[in-house]
């Protein structure tokens, strides 16, 4: 009986020691309100351009970069990439009004 009690006590101590050495995950930095608003606007512009078949690949790549930066809590990069998304989607949509290029007669 004493051997079983000793084994259980030892197992419990080892388990507690393992829990004490685990590191907690660091808190992710929060995005600023400006970065959240910029990302929301960029996502809306991306969706609009996509619906009109006017999405540039550079806008798509910038949105992906903005979302990755948001996961890391990098507000400055989110704002920068979101601005690129908005600029490029605006130009893509404006490009729809350009006259068709006629090649040959």
PDB file of N, CA and C in Angstrom:
ATOM      1  N   UNK A   1       0.812  -1.186   0.000  1.00  0.00           N
ATOM      2  CA  UNK A   1       0.000   0.000   0.000  1.00  0.00           C
ATOM      3  C   UNK A   1       0.857   1.251   0.000  1.00  0.00           C
ATOM      4  N   UNK A   2       1.929   1.239   0.785  1.00  0.00           N
ATOM      5  CA  UNK A   2       2.778   2.423   0.851  1.00  0.00           C
ATOM      6  C   UNK A   2       3.515   2.643  -0.472  1.00  0.00           C
ATOM      7  N   UNK A   3       3.820   1.559  -1.217  1.00  0.00           N
ATOM      8  CA  UNK A   3       4.486   1.702  -2.508  1.00  0.00           C
ATOM      9  C   UNK A   3       3.539   2.350  -3.523  1.00  0.00           C
ATOM     10  N   UNK A   4       2.263   1.990  -3.487  1.00  0.00           N
ATOM     11  CA  UNK A   4       1.270   2.559  -4.397  1.00  0.00           C
ATOM     12  C   UNK A   4       1.089   4.041  -4.081  1.00  0.00           C
ATOM     13  N   UNK A   5       1.009   4.372  -2.788  1.00  0.00           N
ATOM     14  CA  UNK A   5       0.861   5.761  -2.380  1.00  0.00           C
ATOM     15  C   UNK A   5       2.085   6.573  -2.781  1.00  0.00           C
ATOM     16  N   UNK A   6       3.272   6.020  -2.635  1.00  0.00           N
ATOM     17  CA  UNK A   6       4.509   6.684  -3.030  1.00  0.00           C
ATOM     18  C   UNK A   6       4.536   6.901  -4.551  1.00  0.00           C
ATOM     19  N   UNK A   7       4.092   5.922  -5.307  1.00  0.00           N
ATOM     20  CA  UNK A   7       4.076   6.043  -6.770  1.00  0.00           C
ATOM     21  C   UNK A   7       3.090   7.109  -7.224  1.00  0.00           C
ATOM     22  N   UNK A   8       1.908   7.142  -6.612  1.00  0.00           N
ATOM     23  CA  UNK A   8       0.912   8.150  -6.971  1.00  0.00           C
ATOM     24  C   UNK A   8       1.377   9.552  -6.601  1.00  0.00           C
ATOM     25  N   UNK A   9       2.001   9.673  -5.441  1.00  0.00           N
ATOM     26  CA  UNK A   9       2.515  10.977  -5.018  1.00  0.00           C
ATOM     27  C   UNK A   9       3.615  11.440  -5.956  1.00  0.00           C
ATOM     28  N   UNK A  10       4.490  10.540  -6.340  1.00  0.00           N
ATOM     29  CA  UNK A  10       5.580  10.885  -7.265  1.00  0.00           C
ATOM     30  C   UNK A  10       5.025  11.310  -8.616  1.00  0.00           C
ATOM     31  N   UNK A  11       4.033  10.589  -9.111  1.00  0.00           N
ATOM     32  CA  UNK A  11       3.425  10.930 -10.400  1.00  0.00           C
ATOM     33  C   UNK A  11       2.761  12.302 -10.348  1.00  0.00           C
ATOM     34  N   UNK A  12       2.086  12.602  -9.249  1.00  0.00           N
ATOM     35  CA  UNK A  12       1.434  13.897  -9.097  1.00  0.00           C
ATOM     36  C   UNK A  12       2.460  15.022  -9.054  1.00  0.00           C
ATOM     37  N   UNK A  13       3.561  14.814  -8.352  1.00  0.00           N
ATOM     38  CA  UNK A  13       4.606  15.837  -8.277  1.00  0.00           C
ATOM     39  C   UNK A  13       5.261  16.080  -9.636  1.00  0.00           C
ATOM     40  N   UNK A  14       5.475  15.013 -10.378  1.00  0.00           N
ATOM     41  CA  UNK A  14       6.062  15.151 -11.722  1.00  0.00           C
ATOM     42  C   UNK A  14       5.105  15.919 -12.631  1.00  0.00           C
ATOM     43  N   UNK A  15       3.824  15.618 -12.538  1.00  0.00           N
ATOM     44  CA  UNK A  15       2.834  16.306 -13.363  1.00  0.00           C
ATOM     45  C   UNK A  15       2.770  17.784 -13.014  1.00  0.00           C
ATOM     46  N   UNK A  16       2.807  18.091 -11.728  1.00  0.00           N
ATOM     47  CA  UNK A  16       2.777  19.491 -11.304  1.00  0.00           C
ATOM     48  C   UNK A  16       4.042  20.228 -11.728  1.00  0.00           C
ATOM     49  N   UNK A  17       5.163  19.556 -11.685  1.00  0.00           N
ATOM     50  CA  UNK A  17       6.417  20.182 -12.109  1.00  0.00           C
ATOM     51  C   UNK A  17       6.371  20.484 -13.605  1.00  0.00           C
ATOM     52  N   UNK A  18       5.762  19.597 -14.387  1.00  0.00           N
ATOM     53  CA  UNK A  18       5.631  19.834 -15.829  1.00  0.00           C
ATOM     54  C   UNK A  18       4.739  21.019 -16.116  1.00  0.00           C
ATOM     55  N   UNK A  19       3.687  21.188 -15.349  1.00  0.00           N
ATOM     56  CA  UNK A  19       2.789  22.328 -15.532  1.00  0.00           C
ATOM     57  C   UNK A  19       3.474  23.637 -15.171  1.00  0.00           C
ATOM     58  N   UNK A  20       4.335  23.607 -14.204  1.00  0.00           N
ATOM     59  CA  UNK A  20       5.003  24.827 -13.764  1.00  0.00           C
ATOM     60  C   UNK A  20       6.010  25.329 -14.789  1.00  0.00           C
ATOM     61  N   UNK A  21       6.542  24.431 -15.617  1.00  0.00           N
ATOM     62  CA  UNK A  21       7.547  24.853 -16.582  1.00  0.00           C
ATOM     63  C   UNK A  21       6.943  25.271 -17.917  1.00  0.00           C
ATOM     64  N   UNK A  22       5.659  25.036 -18.136  1.00  0.00           N
ATOM     65  CA  UNK A  22       5.033  25.454 -19.388  1.00  0.00           C
ATOM     66  C   UNK A  22       4.938  26.964 -19.425  1.00  0.00           C
ATOM     67  N   UNK A  23       5.243  27.510 -20.602  1.00  0.00           N
ATOM     68  CA  UNK A  23       5.155  28.953 -20.758  1.00  0.00           C
ATOM     69  C   UNK A  23       3.790  29.302 -21.317  1.00  0.00           C
ATOM     70  N   UNK A  24       3.234  30.375 -20.824  1.00  0.00           N
ATOM     71  CA  UNK A  24       1.961  30.819 -21.368  1.00  0.00           C
ATOM     72  C   UNK A  24       2.226  31.594 -22.659  1.00  0.00           C
ATOM     73  N   UNK A  25       1.249  31.562 -23.563  1.00  0.00           N
ATOM     74  CA  UNK A  25       1.417  32.272 -24.821  1.00  0.00           C
ATOM     75  C   UNK A  25       1.302  33.775 -24.574  1.00  0.00           C
ATOM     76  N   UNK A  26       2.195  34.550 -25.188  1.00  0.00           N
ATOM     77  CA  UNK A  26       2.134  35.991 -24.977  1.00  0.00           C
ATOM     78  C   UNK A  26       0.885  36.574 -25.634  1.00  0.00           C
ATOM     79  N   UNK A  27       0.376  37.622 -25.052  1.00  0.00           N
ATOM     80  CA  UNK A  27      -0.817  38.269 -25.579  1.00  0.00           C
ATOM     81  C   UNK A  27      -0.489  38.962 -26.898  1.00  0.00           C
ATOM     82  N   UNK A  28      -1.382  38.800 -27.857  1.00  0.00           N
ATOM     83  CA  UNK A  28      -1.195  39.418 -29.165  1.00  0.00           C
ATOM     84  C   UNK A  28      -1.506  40.910 -29.041  1.00  0.00           C
ATOM     85  N   UNK A  29      -0.639  41.773 -29.583  1.00  0.00           N
ATOM     86  CA  UNK A  29      -0.922  43.204 -29.508  1.00  0.00           C
ATOM     87  C   UNK A  29      -2.213  43.537 -30.261  1.00  0.00           C
ATOM     88  N   UNK A  30      -2.975  44.431 -29.710  1.00  0.00           N
ATOM     89  CA  UNK A  30      -4.256  44.792 -30.317  1.00  0.00           C
ATOM     90  C   UNK A  30      -4.051  45.820 -31.421  1.00  0.00           C
ATOM     91  N   UNK A  31      -4.903  45.754 -32.421  1.00  0.00           N
ATOM     92  CA  UNK A  31      -4.869  46.731 -33.502  1.00  0.00           C
ATOM     93  C   UNK A  31      -5.508  48.033 -33.041  1.00  0.00           C
ATOM     94  N   UNK A  32      -5.035  49.122 -33.599  1.00  0.00           N
ATOM     95  CA  UNK A  32      -5.635  50.419 -33.285  1.00  0.00           C
ATOM     96  C   UNK A  32      -6.988  50.511 -33.978  1.00  0.00           C
ATOM     97  N   UNK A  33      -7.814  51.430 -33.531  1.00  0.00           N
ATOM     98  CA  UNK A  33      -9.134  51.616 -34.128  1.00  0.00           C
ATOM     99  C   UNK A  33      -8.998  52.039 -35.588  1.00  0.00           C
ATOM    100  N   UNK A  34      -7.988  52.848 -35.876  1.00  0.00           N
ATOM    101  CA  UNK A  34      -7.749  53.295 -37.253  1.00  0.00           C
ATOM    102  C   UNK A  34      -7.387  52.115 -38.156  1.00  0.00           C
ATOM    103  N   UNK A  35      -6.581  51.194 -37.647  1.00  0.00           N
ATOM    104  CA  UNK A  35      -6.188  50.023 -38.427  1.00  0.00           C
ATOM    105  C   UNK A  35      -7.380  49.107 -38.665  1.00  0.00           C
ATOM    106  N   UNK A  36      -8.221  48.931 -37.660  1.00  0.00           N
ATOM    107  CA  UNK A  36      -9.416  48.097 -37.819  1.00  0.00           C
ATOM    108  C   UNK A  36     -10.341  48.683 -38.876  1.00  0.00           C
ATOM    109  N   UNK A  37     -10.521  50.014 -38.828  1.00  0.00           N
ATOM    110  CA  UNK A  37     -11.388  50.684 -39.800  1.00  0.00           C
ATOM    111  C   UNK A  37     -10.805  50.576 -41.208  1.00  0.00           C
ATOM    112  N   UNK A  38      -9.497  50.740 -41.324  1.00  0.00           N
ATOM    113  CA  UNK A  38      -8.841  50.652 -42.630  1.00  0.00           C
ATOM    114  C   UNK A  38      -8.975  49.250 -43.208  1.00  0.00           C
ATOM    115  N   UNK A  39      -8.822  48.236 -42.374  1.00  0.00           N
ATOM    116  CA  UNK A  39      -8.943  46.850 -42.838  1.00  0.00           C
ATOM    117  C   UNK A  39     -10.376  46.546 -43.268  1.00  0.00           C
ATOM    118  N   UNK A  40     -11.338  47.030 -42.527  1.00  0.00           N
ATOM    119  CA  UNK A  40     -12.743  46.825 -42.883  1.00  0.00           C
ATOM    120  C   UNK A  40     -13.062  47.486 -44.224  1.00  0.00           C
ATOM    121  N   UNK A  41     -12.571  48.710 -44.420  1.00  0.00           N
ATOM    122  CA  UNK A  41     -12.794  49.419 -45.684  1.00  0.00           C
ATOM    123  C   UNK A  41     -12.096  48.706 -46.840  1.00  0.00           C
ATOM    124  N   UNK A  42     -10.899  48.196 -46.586  1.00  0.00           N
ATOM    125  CA  UNK A  42     -10.154  47.480 -47.625  1.00  0.00           C
ATOM    126  C   UNK A  42     -10.880  46.199 -48.028  1.00  0.00           C
ATOM    127  N   UNK A  43     -11.421  45.491 -47.051  1.00  0.00           N
ATOM    128  CA  UNK A  43     -12.160  44.269 -47.352  1.00  0.00           C
ATOM    129  C   UNK A  43     -13.407  44.574 -48.178  1.00  0.00           C
ATOM    130  N   UNK A  44     -14.087  45.681 -47.868  1.00  0.00           N
ATOM    131  CA  UNK A  44     -15.277  46.072 -48.625  1.00  0.00           C
ATOM    132  C   UNK A  44     -14.901  46.453 -50.056  1.00  0.00           C
ATOM    133  N   UNK A  45     -13.824  47.203 -50.224  1.00  0.00           N
ATOM    134  CA  UNK A  45     -13.375  47.601 -51.561  1.00  0.00           C
ATOM    135  C   UNK A  45     -12.962  46.370 -52.372  1.00  0.00           C
ATOM    136  N   UNK A  46     -12.291  45.430 -51.721  1.00  0.00           N
ATOM    137  CA  UNK A  46     -11.867  44.186 -52.378  1.00  0.00           C
ATOM    138  C   UNK A  46     -13.087  43.405 -52.863  1.00  0.00           C
ATOM    139  N   UNK A  47     -14.084  43.299 -52.012  1.00  0.00           N
ATOM    140  CA  UNK A  47     -15.302  42.568 -52.359  1.00  0.00           C
ATOM    141  C   UNK A  47     -16.023  43.239 -53.534  1.00  0.00           C
ATOM    142  N   UNK A  48     -16.078  44.570 -53.523  1.00  0.00           N
ATOM    143  CA  UNK A  48     -16.731  45.324 -54.589  1.00  0.00           C
ATOM    144  C   UNK A  48     -16.014  45.121 -55.922  1.00  0.00           C
ATOM    145  N   UNK A  49     -14.692  45.228 -55.905  1.00  0.00           N
ATOM    146  CA  UNK A  49     -13.916  45.045 -57.137  1.00  0.00           C
ATOM    147  C   UNK A  49     -14.029  43.620 -57.649  1.00  0.00           C
ATOM    148  N   UNK A  50     -14.071  42.684 -56.737  1.00  0.00           N
ATOM    149  CA  UNK A  50     -14.196  41.282 -57.132  1.00  0.00           C
ATOM    150  C   UNK A  50     -15.555  41.028 -57.789  1.00  0.00           C
ATOM    151  N   UNK A  51     -16.596  41.634 -57.255  1.00  0.00           N
ATOM    152  CA  UNK A  51     -17.937  41.462 -57.806  1.00  0.00           C
ATOM    153  C   UNK A  51     -18.046  42.062 -59.208  1.00  0.00           C
ATOM    154  N   UNK A  52     -17.258  43.104 -59.476  1.00  0.00           N
ATOM    155  CA  UNK A  52     -17.291  43.764 -60.782  1.00  0.00           C
ATOM    156  C   UNK A  52     -16.239  43.199 -61.742  1.00  0.00           C
ATOM    157  N   UNK A  53     -15.558  42.158 -61.323  1.00  0.00           N
ATOM    158  CA  UNK A  53     -14.494  41.536 -62.119  1.00  0.00           C
ATOM    159  C   UNK A  53     -13.415  42.554 -62.474  1.00  0.00           C
ATOM    160  N   UNK A  54     -13.065  43.397 -61.511  1.00  0.00           N
ATOM    161  CA  UNK A  54     -12.068  44.442 -61.736  1.00  0.00           C
ATOM    162  C   UNK A  54     -10.954  44.374 -60.699  1.00  0.00           C
ATOM    163  N   UNK A  55     -10.769  43.220 -60.093  1.00  0.00           N
ATOM    164  CA  UNK A  55      -9.779  43.086 -59.024  1.00  0.00           C
ATOM    165  C   UNK A  55      -8.389  42.891 -59.601  1.00  0.00           C
ATOM    166  N   UNK A  56      -7.486  43.757 -59.204  1.00  0.00           N
ATOM    167  CA  UNK A  56      -6.089  43.629 -59.609  1.00  0.00           C
ATOM    168  C   UNK A  56      -5.397  42.668 -58.648  1.00  0.00           C
ATOM    169  N   UNK A  57      -4.415  41.952 -59.145  1.00  0.00           N
ATOM    170  CA  UNK A  57      -3.683  41.005 -58.297  1.00  0.00           C
ATOM    171  C   UNK A  57      -2.900  41.732 -57.208  1.00  0.00           C
ATOM    172  N   UNK A  58      -2.495  42.965 -57.491  1.00  0.00           N
ATOM    173  CA  UNK A  58      -1.758  43.726 -56.468  1.00  0.00           C
ATOM    174  C   UNK A  58      -2.659  44.076 -55.290  1.00  0.00           C
ATOM    175  N   UNK A  59      -3.926  44.334 -55.563  1.00  0.00           N
ATOM    176  CA  UNK A  59      -4.883  44.621 -54.489  1.00  0.00           C
ATOM    177  C   UNK A  59      -5.137  43.371 -53.664  1.00  0.00           C
ATOM    178  N   UNK A  60      -5.227  42.240 -54.335  1.00  0.00           N
ATOM    179  CA  UNK A  60      -5.440  40.971 -53.644  1.00  0.00           C
ATOM    180  C   UNK A  60      -4.252  40.646 -52.737  1.00  0.00           C
ATOM    181  N   UNK A  61      -3.050  40.840 -53.250  1.00  0.00           N
ATOM    182  CA  UNK A  61      -1.839  40.570 -52.456  1.00  0.00           C
ATOM    183  C   UNK A  61      -1.733  41.527 -51.268  1.00  0.00           C
ATOM    184  N   UNK A  62      -2.111  42.776 -51.484  1.00  0.00           N
ATOM    185  CA  UNK A  62      -2.052  43.754 -50.396  1.00  0.00           C
ATOM    186  C   UNK A  62      -3.050  43.418 -49.291  1.00  0.00           C
ATOM    187  N   UNK A  63      -4.225  42.911 -49.664  1.00  0.00           N
ATOM    188  CA  UNK A  63      -5.206  42.523 -48.646  1.00  0.00           C
ATOM    189  C   UNK A  63      -4.693  41.346 -47.828  1.00  0.00           C
ATOM    190  N   UNK A  64      -4.064  40.389 -48.490  1.00  0.00           N
ATOM    191  CA  UNK A  64      -3.489  39.265 -47.761  1.00  0.00           C
ATOM    192  C   UNK A  64      -2.412  39.740 -46.792  1.00  0.00           C
ATOM    193  N   UNK A  65      -1.577  40.678 -47.238  1.00  0.00           N
ATOM    194  CA  UNK A  65      -0.528  41.222 -46.370  1.00  0.00           C
ATOM    195  C   UNK A  65      -1.131  41.985 -45.194  1.00  0.00           C
ATOM    196  N   UNK A  66      -2.214  42.705 -45.437  1.00  0.00           N
ATOM    197  CA  UNK A  66      -2.884  43.448 -44.370  1.00  0.00           C
ATOM    198  C   UNK A  66      -3.467  42.498 -43.328  1.00  0.00           C
ATOM    199  N   UNK A  67      -4.049  41.403 -43.786  1.00  0.00           N
ATOM    200  CA  UNK A  67      -4.629  40.426 -42.849  1.00  0.00           C
ATOM    201  C   UNK A  67      -3.539  39.731 -42.032  1.00  0.00           C
ATOM    202  N   UNK A  68      -2.410  39.431 -42.668  1.00  0.00           N
ATOM    203  CA  UNK A  68      -1.287  38.829 -41.937  1.00  0.00           C
ATOM    204  C   UNK A  68      -0.750  39.788 -40.886  1.00  0.00           C
ATOM    205  N   UNK A  69      -0.657  41.055 -41.243  1.00  0.00           N
ATOM    206  CA  UNK A  69      -0.189  42.063 -40.290  1.00  0.00           C
ATOM    207  C   UNK A  69      -1.184  42.230 -39.142  1.00  0.00           C
ATOM    208  N   UNK A  70      -2.468  42.098 -39.454  1.00  0.00           N
ATOM    209  CA  UNK A  70      -3.494  42.212 -38.410  1.00  0.00           C
ATOM    210  C   UNK A  70      -3.371  41.074 -37.402  1.00  0.00           C
ATOM    211  N   UNK A  71      -3.033  39.891 -37.893  1.00  0.00           N
ATOM    212  CA  UNK A  71      -2.845  38.751 -36.984  1.00  0.00           C
ATOM    213  C   UNK A  71      -1.664  38.983 -36.053  1.00  0.00           C
ATOM    214  N   UNK A  72      -0.672  39.712 -36.534  1.00  0.00           N
ATOM    215  CA  UNK A  72       0.510  40.001 -35.722  1.00  0.00           C
ATOM    216  C   UNK A  72       0.323  41.246 -34.857  1.00  0.00           C
ATOM    217  N   UNK A  73      -0.750  41.998 -35.099  1.00  0.00           N
ATOM    218  CA  UNK A  73      -1.001  43.204 -34.333  1.00  0.00           C
ATOM    219  C   UNK A  73      -0.214  44.406 -34.814  1.00  0.00           C
ATOM    220  N   UNK A  74       0.234  44.398 -36.072  1.00  0.00           N
ATOM    221  CA  UNK A  74       1.032  45.481 -36.647  1.00  0.00           C
ATOM    222  C   UNK A  74       0.107  46.497 -37.309  1.00  0.00           C
ATOM    223  N   UNK A  75      -0.328  47.488 -36.547  1.00  0.00           N
ATOM    224  CA  UNK A  75      -1.299  48.471 -37.043  1.00  0.00           C
ATOM    225  C   UNK A  75      -0.764  49.294 -38.209  1.00  0.00           C
ATOM    226  N   UNK A  76       0.497  49.694 -38.153  1.00  0.00           N
ATOM    227  CA  UNK A  76       1.065  50.537 -39.216  1.00  0.00           C
ATOM    228  C   UNK A  76       1.045  49.812 -40.558  1.00  0.00           C
ATOM    229  N   UNK A  77       1.403  48.554 -40.574  1.00  0.00           N
ATOM    230  CA  UNK A  77       1.402  47.783 -41.818  1.00  0.00           C
ATOM    231  C   UNK A  77      -0.014  47.541 -42.305  1.00  0.00           C
ATOM    232  N   UNK A  78      -0.930  47.313 -41.396  1.00  0.00           N
ATOM    233  CA  UNK A  78      -2.332  47.120 -41.781  1.00  0.00           C
ATOM    234  C   UNK A  78      -2.845  48.367 -42.493  1.00  0.00           C
ATOM    235  N   UNK A  79      -2.563  49.526 -41.941  1.00  0.00           N
ATOM    236  CA  UNK A  79      -3.019  50.781 -42.540  1.00  0.00           C
ATOM    237  C   UNK A  79      -2.374  50.981 -43.908  1.00  0.00           C
ATOM    238  N   UNK A  80      -1.086  50.736 -44.004  1.00  0.00           N
ATOM    239  CA  UNK A  80      -0.356  50.924 -45.269  1.00  0.00           C
ATOM    240  C   UNK A  80      -0.896  49.989 -46.353  1.00  0.00           C
ATOM    241  N   UNK A  81      -1.033  48.708 -46.035  1.00  0.00           N
ATOM    242  CA  UNK A  81      -1.502  47.737 -47.016  1.00  0.00           C
ATOM    243  C   UNK A  81      -2.974  47.964 -47.366  1.00  0.00           C
ATOM    244  N   UNK A  82      -3.776  48.396 -46.406  1.00  0.00           N
ATOM    245  CA  UNK A  82      -5.188  48.671 -46.665  1.00  0.00           C
ATOM    246  C   UNK A  82      -5.347  49.835 -47.632  1.00  0.00           C
ATOM    247  N   UNK A  83      -4.474  50.824 -47.512  1.00  0.00           N
ATOM    248  CA  UNK A  83      -4.505  51.965 -48.436  1.00  0.00           C
ATOM    249  C   UNK A  83      -4.173  51.501 -49.857  1.00  0.00           C
ATOM    250  N   UNK A  84      -3.211  50.601 -49.977  1.00  0.00           N
ATOM    251  CA  UNK A  84      -2.866  50.054 -51.292  1.00  0.00           C
ATOM    252  C   UNK A  84      -4.069  49.313 -51.873  1.00  0.00           C
ATOM    253  N   UNK A  85      -4.760  48.531 -51.055  1.00  0.00           N
ATOM    254  CA  UNK A  85      -5.945  47.798 -51.516  1.00  0.00           C
ATOM    255  C   UNK A  85      -6.983  48.785 -52.047  1.00  0.00           C
ATOM    256  N   UNK A  86      -7.259  49.816 -51.277  1.00  0.00           N
ATOM    257  CA  UNK A  86      -8.277  50.779 -51.688  1.00  0.00           C
ATOM    258  C   UNK A  86      -7.880  51.523 -52.963  1.00  0.00           C
ATOM    259  N   UNK A  87      -6.619  51.928 -53.064  1.00  0.00           N
ATOM    260  CA  UNK A  87      -6.150  52.634 -54.261  1.00  0.00           C
ATOM    261  C   UNK A  87      -6.241  51.741 -55.494  1.00  0.00           C
ATOM    262  N   UNK A  88      -5.776  50.512 -55.383  1.00  0.00           N
ATOM    263  CA  UNK A  88      -5.733  49.625 -56.541  1.00  0.00           C
ATOM    264  C   UNK A  88      -7.123  49.124 -56.943  1.00  0.00           C
ATOM    265  N   UNK A  89      -8.012  48.952 -55.983  1.00  0.00           N
ATOM    266  CA  UNK A  89      -9.374  48.557 -56.364  1.00  0.00           C
ATOM    267  C   UNK A  89     -10.090  49.728 -57.033  1.00  0.00           C
ATOM    268  N   UNK A  90      -9.828  50.929 -56.555  1.00  0.00           N
ATOM    269  CA  UNK A  90     -10.427  52.112 -57.179  1.00  0.00           C
ATOM    270  C   UNK A  90      -9.958  52.242 -58.633  1.00  0.00           C
ATOM    271  N   UNK A  91      -8.668  52.025 -58.872  1.00  0.00           N
ATOM    272  CA  UNK A  91      -8.139  52.102 -60.232  1.00  0.00           C
ATOM    273  C   UNK A  91      -8.660  50.960 -61.097  1.00  0.00           C
ATOM    274  N   UNK A  92      -8.804  49.790 -60.526  1.00  0.00           N
ATOM    275  CA  UNK A  92      -9.339  48.657 -61.278  1.00  0.00           C
ATOM    276  C   UNK A  92     -10.764  48.892 -61.724  1.00  0.00           C
ATOM    277  N   UNK A  93     -11.566  49.462 -60.839  1.00  0.00           N
ATOM    278  CA  UNK A  93     -12.966  49.765 -61.180  1.00  0.00           C
ATOM    279  C   UNK A  93     -13.013  50.884 -62.218  1.00  0.00           C
ATOM    280  N   UNK A  94     -12.152  51.887 -62.076  1.00  0.00           N
ATOM    281  CA  UNK A  94     -12.103  52.980 -63.057  1.00  0.00           C
ATOM    282  C   UNK A  94     -11.673  52.464 -64.422  1.00  0.00           C
ATOM    283  N   UNK A  95     -10.862  51.454 -64.447  1.00  0.00           N
ATOM    284  CA  UNK A  95     -10.374  50.890 -65.699  1.00  0.00           C
ATOM    285  C   UNK A  95     -11.515  50.271 -66.528  1.00  0.00           C
ATOM    286  N   UNK A  96     -12.600  49.912 -65.863  1.00  0.00           N
ATOM    287  CA  UNK A  96     -13.744  49.351 -66.586  1.00  0.00           C
ATOM    288  C   UNK A  96     -14.358  50.359 -67.561  1.00  0.00           C
ATOM    289  N   UNK A  97     -14.187  51.643 -67.293  1.00  0.00           N
ATOM    290  CA  UNK A  97     -14.750  52.697 -68.144  1.00  0.00           C
ATOM    291  C   UNK A  97     -13.837  53.051 -69.307  1.00  0.00           C
ATOM    292  N   UNK A  98     -12.657  52.503 -69.361  1.00  0.00           N
ATOM    293  CA  UNK A  98     -11.740  52.785 -70.472  1.00  0.00           C
ATOM    294  C   UNK A  98     -12.321  52.198 -71.756  1.00  0.00           C
ATOM    295  N   UNK A  99     -12.073  52.831 -72.882  1.00  0.00           N
ATOM    296  CA  UNK A  99     -12.573  52.274 -74.137  1.00  0.00           C
ATOM    297  C   UNK A  99     -11.855  50.978 -74.483  1.00  0.00           C
ATOM    298  N   UNK A 100     -12.543  50.125 -75.151  1.00  0.00           N
ATOM    299  CA  UNK A 100     -11.955  48.851 -75.568  1.00  0.00           C
ATOM    300  C   UNK A 100     -10.884  49.117 -76.616  1.00  0.00           C
ATOM    301  N   UNK A 101      -9.809  48.413 -76.525  1.00  0.00           N
ATOM    302  CA  UNK A 101      -8.723  48.541 -77.485  1.00  0.00           C
ATOM    303  C   UNK A 101      -9.052  47.696 -78.695  1.00  0.00           C
ATOM    304  N   UNK A 102      -9.048  48.335 -79.831  1.00  0.00           N
ATOM    305  CA  UNK A 102      -9.358  47.631 -81.059  1.00  0.00           C
ATOM    306  C   UNK A 102      -8.053  47.318 -81.773  1.00  0.00           C
ATOM    307  N   UNK A 103      -7.794  46.052 -81.998  1.00  0.00           N
ATOM    308  CA  UNK A 103      -6.577  45.632 -82.662  1.00  0.00           C
ATOM    309  C   UNK A 103      -6.930  45.263 -84.091  1.00  0.00           C
ATOM    310  N   UNK A 104      -6.300  45.930 -85.043  1.00  0.00           N
ATOM    311  CA  UNK A 104      -6.546  45.632 -86.454  1.00  0.00           C
ATOM    312  C   UNK A 104      -7.849  46.227 -86.939  1.00  0.00           C
ATOM    313  N   UNK A 105      -8.089  46.108 -88.211  1.00  0.00           N
ATOM    314  CA  UNK A 105      -9.331  46.641 -88.801  1.00  0.00           C
ATOM    315  C   UNK A 105     -10.215  45.552 -89.280  1.00  0.00           C
TER     316      UNK A 105
END
